[in-house]
Amino acid sequence: MSNKKVTLAHGAGGKQTAELIESVFKHHFANPEFTPDDAAVLNVGTGKIAMSTDGFIVSPYKFNGGNIGKLSICGTVNDLSCMGAKPLYMTCSFILEEGFDFDELEEIVAAMEKTANEVGVRIVAGDTKVAGKGQVDKVFITTTGIGSLTEGFSTSGAFAKPGDAILVTGDVGRHGCTILLAREDLGIEADIKSDCAPLWHTVESMINTTKDIHVIRDATRGGVGTVLYEIAAESNVGIRLNSQDIPVDPAVKGVCGMLGLDPLYLANEGTMVVIAPKEQAQALLNTLKQGKYTKNAAIIGEITDEMVGKVMMTTEIGSQTLLPQPGGELLPRIC
């Protein structure tokens, strides 16, 4: 333990800033493209690229299954992956609260290093600012990523077609439930671990199975339910789910039952919604079942030309119910 703290001088651009970059960021992010210059010069090939940026202000910044550093890499990697883009390079911006522990910062940066290495993405540049005590909740991170698009592969929320099957790559609601239990004094004890994971290799394995995939979406804030409503609106279709087919961890189901929450509207950080022709669904499911993070994948419904813009659910007793359209404040707020 170093007992060193982040000071305002570490964000002033002088000697202390250089020491912070050298001792923490360069130590973990060193690679041939990493630069202290104002911008990195990168080789992205000759094809099309995808680019995404995202901010992370999750509280608490540490949770069962990860921390804000791991989350910041997973979030941008997964957004690129949903477009069929192999993540290549990332930049990151840190806003640190004065007094933040160096050891805790290094733990965050080490998690970023490990997660980035897992999918082969290089962190090549960044920025650091230090805010006064109380102006920031310990640490905020923004990441931007560039990825190389897979030739002959294209997805969009507007591509869903009646007859398509709907899959999820894992059980739903686990990240949101983890954050809720870590943040709130609810007196509930449950062994729930965030699903936070980088999913490029998951998407790559699906593309290698078939390029005939219409939609891939990362079900983060708002969860699977919100994503499905977005797709229904973009594609001008209806959606029908089978409640018995939706995978939910028993502990998540129990917590949601006690609190009156629906797992379909809780955040995920390692689960995607995939929509593909029905003829491809079983092959995709077989591929997902073999994956590191996707053993709980399932086919949960279908796209229809009825009830356009709506999401319907077939209940356990065979009745039909309309899922509520998300609106207002979604709980728990995760960022």
C-alpha atoms as a PDB file:
ATOM      1  CA  MET A   1       0.000   0.000   0.000  1.00  0.00           C
ATOM      2  CA  SER A   2       1.522   3.340  -1.035  1.00  0.00           C
ATOM      3  CA  ASN A   3      -0.896   5.620   0.874  1.00  0.00           C
ATOM      4  CA  LYS A   4      -0.377   8.173  -1.912  1.00  0.00           C
ATOM      5  CA  LYS A   5      -3.317  10.391  -2.812  1.00  0.00           C
ATOM      6  CA  VAL A   6      -4.273  12.193  -6.001  1.00  0.00           C
ATOM      7  CA  THR A   7      -3.741  15.934  -5.587  1.00  0.00           C
ATOM      8  CA  LEU A   8      -4.815  18.893  -7.702  1.00  0.00           C
ATOM      9  CA  ALA A   9      -1.214  19.088  -8.924  1.00  0.00           C
ATOM     10  CA  HIS A  10      -1.644  15.718 -10.628  1.00  0.00           C
ATOM     11  CA  GLY A  11      -4.121  17.362 -12.984  1.00  0.00           C
ATOM     12  CA  ALA A  12      -2.191  20.576 -13.592  1.00  0.00           C
ATOM     13  CA  GLY A  13      -0.110  19.319 -16.508  1.00  0.00           C
ATOM     14  CA  GLY A  14       3.275  19.632 -14.818  1.00  0.00           C
ATOM     15  CA  LYS A  15       5.765  17.338 -13.136  1.00  0.00           C
ATOM     16  CA  GLN A  16       3.178  15.497 -10.994  1.00  0.00           C
ATOM     17  CA  THR A  17       0.965  14.853 -14.027  1.00  0.00           C
ATOM     18  CA  ALA A  18       3.912  13.367 -15.909  1.00  0.00           C
ATOM     19  CA  GLU A  19       4.727  11.188 -12.903  1.00  0.00           C
ATOM     20  CA  LEU A  20       1.117   9.966 -12.717  1.00  0.00           C
ATOM     21  CA  ILE A  21       1.102   9.072 -16.408  1.00  0.00           C
ATOM     22  CA  GLU A  22       4.470   7.335 -16.169  1.00  0.00           C
ATOM     23  CA  SER A  23       3.854   5.402 -12.939  1.00  0.00           C
ATOM     24  CA  VAL A  24       0.228   4.344 -13.473  1.00  0.00           C
ATOM     25  CA  PHE A  25      -1.124   4.762 -16.998  1.00  0.00           C
ATOM     26  CA  LYS A  26       1.970   4.048 -19.097  1.00  0.00           C
ATOM     27  CA  HIS A  27       2.917   1.221 -16.717  1.00  0.00           C
ATOM     28  CA  HIS A  28      -0.327  -0.624 -17.558  1.00  0.00           C
ATOM     29  CA  PHE A  29      -1.108   0.626 -21.074  1.00  0.00           C
ATOM     30  CA  ALA A  30       2.348   0.488 -22.719  1.00  0.00           C
ATOM     31  CA  ASN A  31       2.232  -0.658 -26.355  1.00  0.00           C
ATOM     32  CA  PRO A  32       3.870   0.461 -29.624  1.00  0.00           C
ATOM     33  CA  GLU A  33       1.110   3.019 -30.329  1.00  0.00           C
ATOM     34  CA  PHE A  34       0.888   4.485 -26.810  1.00  0.00           C
ATOM     35  CA  THR A  35       2.019   8.102 -26.968  1.00  0.00           C
ATOM     36  CA  PRO A  36       2.533  11.162 -24.759  1.00  0.00           C
ATOM     37  CA  ASP A  37       1.817  13.324 -27.809  1.00  0.00           C
ATOM     38  CA  ASP A  38      -1.465  15.134 -28.412  1.00  0.00           C
ATOM     39  CA  ALA A  39      -2.825  12.317 -30.571  1.00  0.00           C
ATOM     40  CA  ALA A  40      -1.873   8.797 -31.585  1.00  0.00           C
ATOM     41  CA  VAL A  41      -1.190   7.912 -35.222  1.00  0.00           C
ATOM     42  CA  LEU A  42      -2.838   4.574 -35.977  1.00  0.00           C
ATOM     43  CA  ASN A  43      -3.037   1.975 -38.710  1.00  0.00           C
ATOM     44  CA  VAL A  44      -6.701   0.999 -39.214  1.00  0.00           C
ATOM     45  CA  GLY A  45      -6.382  -0.820 -42.534  1.00  0.00           C
ATOM     46  CA  THR A  46      -8.170   0.045 -45.750  1.00  0.00           C
ATOM     47  CA  GLY A  47     -11.784  -0.888 -44.977  1.00  0.00           C
ATOM     48  CA  LYS A  48     -14.500   0.904 -43.035  1.00  0.00           C
ATOM     49  CA  ILE A  49     -14.165   1.611 -39.329  1.00  0.00           C
ATOM     50  CA  ALA A  50     -16.643   1.976 -36.482  1.00  0.00           C
ATOM     51  CA  MET A  51     -16.143   4.511 -33.701  1.00  0.00           C
ATOM     52  CA  SER A  52     -17.869   4.831 -30.332  1.00  0.00           C
ATOM     53  CA  THR A  53     -17.507   6.848 -27.140  1.00  0.00           C
ATOM     54  CA  ASP A  54     -19.050   6.389 -23.701  1.00  0.00           C
ATOM     55  CA  GLY A  55     -18.837   7.927 -20.231  1.00  0.00           C
ATOM     56  CA  PHE A  56     -18.813   5.967 -16.963  1.00  0.00           C
ATOM     57  CA  ILE A  57     -19.764   7.433 -13.575  1.00  0.00           C
ATOM     58  CA  VAL A  58     -21.006   4.289 -11.842  1.00  0.00           C
ATOM     59  CA  SER A  59     -21.461   4.424  -8.078  1.00  0.00           C
ATOM     60  CA  PRO A  60     -20.055   2.548  -6.255  1.00  0.00           C
ATOM     61  CA  TYR A  61     -17.061   2.328  -8.559  1.00  0.00           C
ATOM     62  CA  LYS A  62     -16.248  -1.192  -7.244  1.00  0.00           C
ATOM     63  CA  PHE A  63     -18.838  -3.973  -7.321  1.00  0.00           C
ATOM     64  CA  ASN A  64     -19.009  -7.757  -7.252  1.00  0.00           C
ATOM     65  CA  GLY A  65     -17.600  -8.816 -10.614  1.00  0.00           C
ATOM     66  CA  GLY A  66     -15.684  -5.689 -11.574  1.00  0.00           C
ATOM     67  CA  ASN A  67     -15.026  -1.997 -11.205  1.00  0.00           C
ATOM     68  CA  ILE A  68     -15.434   1.173 -13.248  1.00  0.00           C
ATOM     69  CA  GLY A  69     -12.197   0.419 -15.116  1.00  0.00           C
ATOM     70  CA  LYS A  70     -13.307  -2.975 -16.364  1.00  0.00           C
ATOM     71  CA  LEU A  71     -16.742  -1.519 -17.123  1.00  0.00           C
ATOM     72  CA  SER A  72     -15.261   1.321 -19.205  1.00  0.00           C
ATOM     73  CA  ILE A  73     -13.448  -1.123 -21.489  1.00  0.00           C
ATOM     74  CA  CYS A  74     -16.372  -3.555 -21.747  1.00  0.00           C
ATOM     75  CA  GLY A  75     -18.848  -0.790 -22.571  1.00  0.00           C
ATOM     76  CA  THR A  76     -16.945   0.564 -25.557  1.00  0.00           C
ATOM     77  CA  VAL A  77     -15.701  -2.844 -26.750  1.00  0.00           C
ATOM     78  CA  ASN A  78     -19.267  -4.151 -26.726  1.00  0.00           C
ATOM     79  CA  ASP A  79     -20.683  -1.114 -28.540  1.00  0.00           C
ATOM     80  CA  LEU A  80     -18.166  -1.617 -31.351  1.00  0.00           C
ATOM     81  CA  SER A  81     -18.767  -5.363 -31.363  1.00  0.00           C
ATOM     82  CA  CYS A  82     -22.509  -4.880 -31.867  1.00  0.00           C
ATOM     83  CA  MET A  83     -21.690  -3.341 -35.247  1.00  0.00           C
ATOM     84  CA  GLY A  84     -19.479  -6.287 -36.181  1.00  0.00           C
ATOM     85  CA  ALA A  85     -16.340  -4.212 -35.622  1.00  0.00           C
ATOM     86  CA  LYS A  86     -13.180  -5.771 -34.207  1.00  0.00           C
ATOM     87  CA  PRO A  87     -11.980  -3.367 -31.482  1.00  0.00           C
ATOM     88  CA  LEU A  88      -8.497  -2.079 -32.305  1.00  0.00           C
ATOM     89  CA  TYR A  89      -7.699   1.076 -30.357  1.00  0.00           C
ATOM     90  CA  MET A  90      -9.097   3.051 -27.451  1.00  0.00           C
ATOM     91  CA  THR A  91      -8.438   6.347 -25.735  1.00  0.00           C
ATOM     92  CA  CYS A  92      -9.483   7.096 -22.176  1.00  0.00           C
ATOM     93  CA  SER A  93     -10.120  10.216 -20.129  1.00  0.00           C
ATOM     94  CA  PHE A  94     -10.010  10.226 -16.323  1.00  0.00           C
ATOM     95  CA  ILE A  95     -11.580  12.801 -14.023  1.00  0.00           C
ATOM     96  CA  LEU A  96     -10.257  12.095 -10.542  1.00  0.00           C
ATOM     97  CA  GLU A  97     -11.354  13.508  -7.210  1.00  0.00           C
ATOM     98  CA  GLU A  98      -8.679  15.187  -5.148  1.00  0.00           C
ATOM     99  CA  GLY A  99      -7.619  12.766  -2.410  1.00  0.00           C
ATOM    100  CA  PHE A 100      -8.362   9.586  -4.366  1.00  0.00           C
ATOM    101  CA  ASP A 101      -6.016   6.742  -3.383  1.00  0.00           C
ATOM    102  CA  PHE A 102      -3.243   5.886  -5.840  1.00  0.00           C
ATOM    103  CA  ASP A 103      -3.607   2.190  -4.976  1.00  0.00           C
ATOM    104  CA  GLU A 104      -7.306   2.240  -5.855  1.00  0.00           C
ATOM    105  CA  LEU A 105      -6.565   4.100  -9.093  1.00  0.00           C
ATOM    106  CA  GLU A 106      -3.968   1.488 -10.004  1.00  0.00           C
ATOM    107  CA  GLU A 107      -6.495  -1.279  -9.293  1.00  0.00           C
ATOM    108  CA  ILE A 108      -8.887   0.383 -11.753  1.00  0.00           C
ATOM    109  CA  VAL A 109      -6.210   0.850 -14.408  1.00  0.00           C
ATOM    110  CA  ALA A 110      -4.983  -2.742 -13.979  1.00  0.00           C
ATOM    111  CA  ALA A 111      -8.544  -3.968 -14.595  1.00  0.00           C
ATOM    112  CA  MET A 112      -8.635  -1.896 -17.792  1.00  0.00           C
ATOM    113  CA  GLU A 113      -5.326  -3.406 -18.903  1.00  0.00           C
ATOM    114  CA  LYS A 114      -6.510  -6.966 -18.277  1.00  0.00           C
ATOM    115  CA  THR A 115      -9.858  -6.487 -20.027  1.00  0.00           C
ATOM    116  CA  ALA A 116      -8.330  -4.731 -23.030  1.00  0.00           C
ATOM    117  CA  ASN A 117      -5.727  -7.476 -23.415  1.00  0.00           C
ATOM    118  CA  GLU A 118      -8.462 -10.112 -23.440  1.00  0.00           C
ATOM    119  CA  VAL A 119      -9.876  -8.798 -26.709  1.00  0.00           C
ATOM    120  CA  GLY A 120      -6.624  -7.421 -28.180  1.00  0.00           C
ATOM    121  CA  VAL A 121      -7.552  -3.741 -28.053  1.00  0.00           C
ATOM    122  CA  ARG A 122      -4.768  -1.203 -27.417  1.00  0.00           C
ATOM    123  CA  ILE A 123      -5.190   1.890 -25.258  1.00  0.00           C
ATOM    124  CA  VAL A 124      -3.116   4.477 -27.119  1.00  0.00           C
ATOM    125  CA  ALA A 125      -3.801   7.918 -25.627  1.00  0.00           C
ATOM    126  CA  GLY A 126      -5.751   9.684 -22.934  1.00  0.00           C
ATOM    127  CA  ASP A 127      -6.260  12.649 -20.655  1.00  0.00           C
ATOM    128  CA  THR A 128      -6.298  13.192 -16.897  1.00  0.00           C
ATOM    129  CA  LYS A 129      -8.002  15.942 -14.913  1.00  0.00           C
ATOM    130  CA  VAL A 130      -8.276  16.325 -11.135  1.00  0.00           C
ATOM    131  CA  ALA A 131     -11.354  18.008  -9.638  1.00  0.00           C
ATOM    132  CA  GLY A 132     -11.596  19.472  -6.163  1.00  0.00           C
ATOM    133  CA  LYS A 133     -12.814  17.415  -3.225  1.00  0.00           C
ATOM    134  CA  GLY A 134     -16.548  16.781  -3.558  1.00  0.00           C
ATOM    135  CA  GLN A 135     -16.790  17.900  -7.192  1.00  0.00           C
ATOM    136  CA  VAL A 136     -16.498  14.319  -8.481  1.00  0.00           C
ATOM    137  CA  ASP A 137     -17.612  11.010  -6.980  1.00  0.00           C
ATOM    138  CA  LYS A 138     -14.068   9.604  -6.764  1.00  0.00           C
ATOM    139  CA  VAL A 139     -13.496   8.754 -10.442  1.00  0.00           C
ATOM    140  CA  PHE A 140     -15.223   9.253 -13.804  1.00  0.00           C
ATOM    141  CA  ILE A 141     -13.917   7.632 -17.006  1.00  0.00           C
ATOM    142  CA  THR A 142     -14.703   8.293 -20.673  1.00  0.00           C
ATOM    143  CA  THR A 143     -13.489   5.869 -23.322  1.00  0.00           C
ATOM    144  CA  THR A 144     -13.490   6.151 -27.111  1.00  0.00           C
ATOM    145  CA  GLY A 145     -12.877   3.184 -29.363  1.00  0.00           C
ATOM    146  CA  ILE A 146     -12.147   2.478 -33.017  1.00  0.00           C
ATOM    147  CA  GLY A 147     -12.848  -0.861 -34.633  1.00  0.00           C
ATOM    148  CA  SER A 148     -12.455  -2.431 -38.059  1.00  0.00           C
ATOM    149  CA  LEU A 149     -15.758  -3.498 -39.619  1.00  0.00           C
ATOM    150  CA  THR A 150     -16.193  -7.092 -40.736  1.00  0.00           C
ATOM    151  CA  GLU A 151     -16.504  -7.176 -44.508  1.00  0.00           C
ATOM    152  CA  GLY A 152     -19.926  -8.256 -45.745  1.00  0.00           C
ATOM    153  CA  PHE A 153     -21.570  -7.882 -42.336  1.00  0.00           C
ATOM    154  CA  SER A 154     -24.060  -5.201 -41.367  1.00  0.00           C
ATOM    155  CA  THR A 155     -26.473  -4.839 -38.448  1.00  0.00           C
ATOM    156  CA  SER A 156     -28.928  -2.183 -37.322  1.00  0.00           C
ATOM    157  CA  GLY A 157     -31.895  -1.795 -35.022  1.00  0.00           C
ATOM    158  CA  ALA A 158     -33.878  -1.078 -38.187  1.00  0.00           C
ATOM    159  CA  PHE A 159     -33.169  -4.502 -39.778  1.00  0.00           C
ATOM    160  CA  ALA A 160     -35.514  -6.767 -37.726  1.00  0.00           C
ATOM    161  CA  LYS A 161     -38.078  -8.622 -39.859  1.00  0.00           C
ATOM    162  CA  PRO A 162     -41.283 -10.531 -39.030  1.00  0.00           C
ATOM    163  CA  GLY A 163     -40.435 -14.192 -38.458  1.00  0.00           C
ATOM    164  CA  ASP A 164     -36.994 -13.451 -37.022  1.00  0.00           C
ATOM    165  CA  ALA A 165     -35.981 -15.127 -33.775  1.00  0.00           C
ATOM    166  CA  ILE A 166     -34.873 -13.129 -30.726  1.00  0.00           C
ATOM    167  CA  LEU A 167     -31.958 -14.387 -28.635  1.00  0.00           C
ATOM    168  CA  VAL A 168     -30.197 -13.131 -25.540  1.00  0.00           C
ATOM    169  CA  THR A 169     -26.569 -14.089 -25.050  1.00  0.00           C
ATOM    170  CA  GLY A 170     -26.962 -14.595 -21.294  1.00  0.00           C
ATOM    171  CA  ASP A 171     -29.230 -14.259 -18.278  1.00  0.00           C
ATOM    172  CA  VAL A 172     -30.765 -10.825 -17.754  1.00  0.00           C
ATOM    173  CA  GLY A 173     -30.654  -8.131 -15.079  1.00  0.00           C
ATOM    174  CA  ARG A 174     -27.581  -9.284 -13.184  1.00  0.00           C
ATOM    175  CA  HIS A 175     -25.497  -6.094 -13.422  1.00  0.00           C
ATOM    176  CA  GLY A 176     -28.327  -3.794 -12.384  1.00  0.00           C
ATOM    177  CA  CYS A 177     -29.170  -6.035  -9.451  1.00  0.00           C
ATOM    178  CA  THR A 178     -25.510  -6.155  -8.390  1.00  0.00           C
ATOM    179  CA  ILE A 179     -25.239  -2.348  -8.370  1.00  0.00           C
ATOM    180  CA  LEU A 180     -28.530  -2.016  -6.507  1.00  0.00           C
ATOM    181  CA  LEU A 181     -27.369  -4.317  -3.717  1.00  0.00           C
ATOM    182  CA  ALA A 182     -23.938  -2.660  -3.552  1.00  0.00           C
ATOM    183  CA  ARG A 183     -25.444   0.826  -3.306  1.00  0.00           C
ATOM    184  CA  GLU A 184     -28.576   0.572  -1.236  1.00  0.00           C
ATOM    185  CA  ASP A 185     -28.933  -0.432   2.414  1.00  0.00           C
ATOM    186  CA  LEU A 186     -31.725  -2.890   1.696  1.00  0.00           C
ATOM    187  CA  GLY A 187     -30.804  -5.558   4.214  1.00  0.00           C
ATOM    188  CA  ILE A 188     -30.843  -8.153   1.429  1.00  0.00           C
ATOM    189  CA  GLU A 189     -28.060 -10.711   1.210  1.00  0.00           C
ATOM    190  CA  ALA A 190     -27.722 -12.375  -2.187  1.00  0.00           C
ATOM    191  CA  ASP A 191     -24.809 -13.939  -4.052  1.00  0.00           C
ATOM    192  CA  ILE A 192     -25.129 -11.954  -7.279  1.00  0.00           C
ATOM    193  CA  LYS A 193     -22.157 -11.094  -9.490  1.00  0.00           C
ATOM    194  CA  SER A 194     -22.229  -8.592 -12.357  1.00  0.00           C
ATOM    195  CA  ASP A 195     -22.167 -10.058 -15.858  1.00  0.00           C
ATOM    196  CA  CYS A 196     -19.668  -7.348 -16.907  1.00  0.00           C
ATOM    197  CA  ALA A 197     -17.631  -8.843 -19.780  1.00  0.00           C
ATOM    198  CA  PRO A 198     -15.988  -7.862 -23.102  1.00  0.00           C
ATOM    199  CA  LEU A 199     -17.972  -9.592 -25.849  1.00  0.00           C
ATOM    200  CA  TRP A 200     -15.979  -9.151 -29.071  1.00  0.00           C
ATOM    201  CA  HIS A 201     -15.053 -12.856 -29.209  1.00  0.00           C
ATOM    202  CA  THR A 202     -18.738 -13.675 -28.652  1.00  0.00           C
ATOM    203  CA  VAL A 203     -19.746 -11.587 -31.655  1.00  0.00           C
ATOM    204  CA  GLU A 204     -16.842 -12.915 -33.698  1.00  0.00           C
ATOM    205  CA  SER A 205     -17.973 -16.490 -33.045  1.00  0.00           C
ATOM    206  CA  MET A 206     -21.522 -15.622 -34.144  1.00  0.00           C
ATOM    207  CA  ILE A 207     -20.252 -13.991 -37.354  1.00  0.00           C
ATOM    208  CA  ASN A 208     -18.153 -17.085 -38.048  1.00  0.00           C
ATOM    209  CA  THR A 209     -21.342 -19.146 -37.663  1.00  0.00           C
ATOM    210  CA  THR A 210     -23.411 -16.947 -39.986  1.00  0.00           C
ATOM    211  CA  LYS A 211     -23.310 -13.387 -41.281  1.00  0.00           C
ATOM    212  CA  ASP A 212     -27.087 -13.514 -41.620  1.00  0.00           C
ATOM    213  CA  ILE A 213     -27.723 -11.591 -38.388  1.00  0.00           C
ATOM    214  CA  HIS A 214     -30.043  -8.581 -38.492  1.00  0.00           C
ATOM    215  CA  VAL A 215     -29.605  -6.906 -35.102  1.00  0.00           C
ATOM    216  CA  ILE A 216     -27.085  -7.028 -32.256  1.00  0.00           C
ATOM    217  CA  ARG A 217     -27.665  -4.653 -29.348  1.00  0.00           C
ATOM    218  CA  ASP A 218     -25.909  -4.267 -25.995  1.00  0.00           C
ATOM    219  CA  ALA A 219     -28.636  -4.359 -23.310  1.00  0.00           C
ATOM    220  CA  THR A 220     -27.094  -1.892 -20.848  1.00  0.00           C
ATOM    221  CA  ARG A 221     -29.141   0.926 -19.289  1.00  0.00           C
ATOM    222  CA  GLY A 222     -32.822   0.056 -19.376  1.00  0.00           C
ATOM    223  CA  GLY A 223     -32.101  -3.620 -19.950  1.00  0.00           C
ATOM    224  CA  VAL A 224     -33.513  -6.034 -22.503  1.00  0.00           C
ATOM    225  CA  GLY A 225     -37.043  -4.615 -22.277  1.00  0.00           C
ATOM    226  CA  THR A 226     -35.943  -1.115 -23.262  1.00  0.00           C
ATOM    227  CA  VAL A 227     -33.753  -2.398 -26.104  1.00  0.00           C
ATOM    228  CA  LEU A 228     -36.652  -4.434 -27.513  1.00  0.00           C
ATOM    229  CA  TYR A 229     -38.941  -1.401 -27.504  1.00  0.00           C
ATOM    230  CA  GLU A 230     -36.249   0.574 -29.338  1.00  0.00           C
ATOM    231  CA  ILE A 231     -35.916  -2.162 -31.977  1.00  0.00           C
ATOM    232  CA  ALA A 232     -39.703  -2.448 -32.377  1.00  0.00           C
ATOM    233  CA  ALA A 233     -39.871   1.285 -33.105  1.00  0.00           C
ATOM    234  CA  GLU A 234     -36.829   1.376 -35.414  1.00  0.00           C
ATOM    235  CA  SER A 235     -37.916  -1.649 -37.473  1.00  0.00           C
ATOM    236  CA  ASN A 236     -41.663  -0.913 -37.314  1.00  0.00           C
ATOM    237  CA  VAL A 237     -42.460  -4.412 -36.066  1.00  0.00           C
ATOM    238  CA  GLY A 238     -44.062  -6.135 -33.100  1.00  0.00           C
ATOM    239  CA  ILE A 239     -42.270  -8.377 -30.618  1.00  0.00           C
ATOM    240  CA  ARG A 240     -43.567 -11.452 -28.813  1.00  0.00           C
ATOM    241  CA  LEU A 241     -41.635 -13.013 -25.924  1.00  0.00           C
ATOM    242  CA  ASN A 242     -42.121 -16.264 -24.036  1.00  0.00           C
ATOM    243  CA  SER A 243     -41.671 -15.615 -20.308  1.00  0.00           C
ATOM    244  CA  GLN A 244     -40.619 -19.205 -19.594  1.00  0.00           C
ATOM    245  CA  ASP A 245     -37.674 -18.938 -22.014  1.00  0.00           C
ATOM    246  CA  ILE A 246     -36.119 -15.777 -20.534  1.00  0.00           C
ATOM    247  CA  PRO A 247     -33.036 -16.751 -18.476  1.00  0.00           C
ATOM    248  CA  VAL A 248     -32.897 -15.075 -15.054  1.00  0.00           C
ATOM    249  CA  ASP A 249     -30.492 -16.029 -12.273  1.00  0.00           C
ATOM    250  CA  PRO A 250     -32.549 -17.410  -9.345  1.00  0.00           C
ATOM    251  CA  ALA A 251     -30.978 -14.904  -6.920  1.00  0.00           C
ATOM    252  CA  VAL A 252     -31.830 -12.009  -9.263  1.00  0.00           C
ATOM    253  CA  LYS A 253     -35.370 -13.319  -9.585  1.00  0.00           C
ATOM    254  CA  GLY A 254     -35.674 -13.476  -5.798  1.00  0.00           C
ATOM    255  CA  VAL A 255     -34.393  -9.922  -5.236  1.00  0.00           C
ATOM    256  CA  CYS A 256     -36.629  -8.556  -7.986  1.00  0.00           C
ATOM    257  CA  GLY A 257     -39.610 -10.355  -6.468  1.00  0.00           C
ATOM    258  CA  MET A 258     -38.968  -8.738  -3.079  1.00  0.00           C
ATOM    259  CA  LEU A 259     -38.505  -5.255  -4.539  1.00  0.00           C
ATOM    260  CA  GLY A 260     -41.153  -5.352  -7.242  1.00  0.00           C
ATOM    261  CA  LEU A 261     -38.642  -4.962 -10.090  1.00  0.00           C
ATOM    262  CA  ASP A 262     -38.666  -6.626 -13.505  1.00  0.00           C
ATOM    263  CA  PRO A 263     -35.311  -8.188 -14.529  1.00  0.00           C
ATOM    264  CA  LEU A 264     -36.074  -7.285 -18.142  1.00  0.00           C
ATOM    265  CA  TYR A 265     -35.593  -3.609 -17.252  1.00  0.00           C
ATOM    266  CA  LEU A 266     -32.408  -4.000 -15.214  1.00  0.00           C
ATOM    267  CA  ALA A 267     -29.037  -3.214 -16.770  1.00  0.00           C
ATOM    268  CA  ASN A 268     -26.684  -5.790 -18.234  1.00  0.00           C
ATOM    269  CA  GLU A 269     -22.991  -5.330 -19.021  1.00  0.00           C
ATOM    270  CA  GLY A 270     -22.322  -8.710 -20.614  1.00  0.00           C
ATOM    271  CA  THR A 271     -25.594  -9.647 -22.309  1.00  0.00           C
ATOM    272  CA  MET A 272     -26.656  -8.751 -25.844  1.00  0.00           C
ATOM    273  CA  VAL A 273     -29.925  -8.989 -27.738  1.00  0.00           C
ATOM    274  CA  VAL A 274     -29.494 -10.767 -31.092  1.00  0.00           C
ATOM    275  CA  ILE A 275     -32.123 -10.915 -33.841  1.00  0.00           C
ATOM    276  CA  ALA A 276     -31.629 -13.253 -36.774  1.00  0.00           C
ATOM    277  CA  PRO A 277     -33.693 -15.297 -39.237  1.00  0.00           C
ATOM    278  CA  LYS A 278     -35.394 -18.218 -37.506  1.00  0.00           C
ATOM    279  CA  GLU A 279     -33.420 -20.649 -39.694  1.00  0.00           C
ATOM    280  CA  GLN A 280     -30.154 -19.383 -38.153  1.00  0.00           C
ATOM    281  CA  ALA A 281     -31.308 -19.228 -34.525  1.00  0.00           C
ATOM    282  CA  GLN A 282     -30.412 -22.742 -33.386  1.00  0.00           C
ATOM    283  CA  ALA A 283     -26.938 -22.629 -34.929  1.00  0.00           C
ATOM    284  CA  LEU A 284     -26.293 -19.296 -33.218  1.00  0.00           C
ATOM    285  CA  LEU A 285     -27.564 -20.662 -29.921  1.00  0.00           C
ATOM    286  CA  ASN A 286     -25.301 -23.715 -30.214  1.00  0.00           C
ATOM    287  CA  THR A 287     -22.326 -21.399 -30.803  1.00  0.00           C
ATOM    288  CA  LEU A 288     -23.220 -19.176 -27.857  1.00  0.00           C
ATOM    289  CA  LYS A 289     -23.621 -22.138 -25.515  1.00  0.00           C
ATOM    290  CA  GLN A 290     -19.934 -22.919 -26.080  1.00  0.00           C
ATOM    291  CA  GLY A 291     -18.748 -19.381 -25.228  1.00  0.00           C
ATOM    292  CA  LYS A 292     -16.923 -18.191 -22.125  1.00  0.00           C
ATOM    293  CA  TYR A 293     -19.618 -15.682 -21.133  1.00  0.00           C
ATOM    294  CA  THR A 294     -22.684 -16.991 -22.959  1.00  0.00           C
ATOM    295  CA  LYS A 295     -23.544 -20.421 -21.565  1.00  0.00           C
ATOM    296  CA  ASN A 296     -26.951 -19.094 -20.408  1.00  0.00           C
ATOM    297  CA  ALA A 297     -27.928 -17.891 -23.894  1.00  0.00           C
ATOM    298  CA  ALA A 298     -31.510 -18.550 -24.969  1.00  0.00           C
ATOM    299  CA  ILE A 299     -34.060 -17.992 -27.726  1.00  0.00           C
ATOM    300  CA  ILE A 300     -36.726 -15.867 -26.008  1.00  0.00           C
ATOM    301  CA  GLY A 301     -39.178 -14.797 -28.691  1.00  0.00           C
ATOM    302  CA  GLU A 302     -39.890 -13.693 -32.228  1.00  0.00           C
ATOM    303  CA  ILE A 303     -40.518 -10.665 -34.393  1.00  0.00           C
ATOM    304  CA  THR A 304     -44.110 -10.269 -35.627  1.00  0.00           C
ATOM    305  CA  ASP A 305     -46.091  -7.975 -37.900  1.00  0.00           C
ATOM    306  CA  GLU A 306     -48.770  -7.597 -35.222  1.00  0.00           C
ATOM    307  CA  MET A 307     -48.965  -4.957 -32.452  1.00  0.00           C
ATOM    308  CA  VAL A 308     -46.365  -2.851 -34.253  1.00  0.00           C
ATOM    309  CA  GLY A 309     -44.150  -0.908 -31.867  1.00  0.00           C
ATOM    310  CA  LYS A 310     -45.193  -3.050 -28.890  1.00  0.00           C
ATOM    311  CA  VAL A 311     -43.613  -5.874 -26.895  1.00  0.00           C
ATOM    312  CA  MET A 312     -45.981  -8.670 -25.891  1.00  0.00           C
ATOM    313  CA  MET A 313     -45.283 -11.442 -23.401  1.00  0.00           C
ATOM    314  CA  THR A 314     -46.768 -14.943 -23.309  1.00  0.00           C
ATOM    315  CA  THR A 315     -47.035 -15.791 -19.613  1.00  0.00           C
ATOM    316  CA  GLU A 316     -46.515 -19.150 -17.929  1.00  0.00           C
ATOM    317  CA  ILE A 317     -50.259 -19.851 -18.092  1.00  0.00           C
ATOM    318  CA  GLY A 318     -50.447 -19.009 -21.782  1.00  0.00           C
ATOM    319  CA  SER A 319     -52.061 -15.589 -21.537  1.00  0.00           C
ATOM    320  CA  GLN A 320     -50.804 -12.518 -23.418  1.00  0.00           C
ATOM    321  CA  THR A 321     -49.715  -9.357 -21.637  1.00  0.00           C
ATOM    322  CA  LEU A 322     -48.288  -6.091 -22.897  1.00  0.00           C
ATOM    323  CA  LEU A 323     -44.906  -5.198 -21.441  1.00  0.00           C
ATOM    324  CA  PRO A 324     -44.896  -1.621 -20.148  1.00  0.00           C
ATOM    325  CA  GLN A 325     -43.062   0.871 -22.312  1.00  0.00           C
ATOM    326  CA  PRO A 326     -40.070   2.228 -20.351  1.00  0.00           C
ATOM    327  CA  GLY A 327     -40.287   5.830 -19.268  1.00  0.00           C
ATOM    328  CA  GLY A 328     -39.183   8.183 -16.516  1.00  0.00           C
ATOM    329  CA  GLU A 329     -36.431   7.124 -14.110  1.00  0.00           C
ATOM    330  CA  LEU A 330     -35.245   3.553 -14.524  1.00  0.00           C
ATOM    331  CA  LEU A 331     -34.126   1.952 -11.254  1.00  0.00           C
ATOM    332  CA  PRO A 332     -31.500   1.398 -10.156  1.00  0.00           C
ATOM    333  CA  ARG A 333     -29.784   4.321 -11.887  1.00  0.00           C
ATOM    334  CA  ILE A 334     -26.370   2.879 -12.842  1.00  0.00           C
ATOM    335  CA  CYS A 335     -24.536   5.935 -14.115  1.00  0.00           C
END
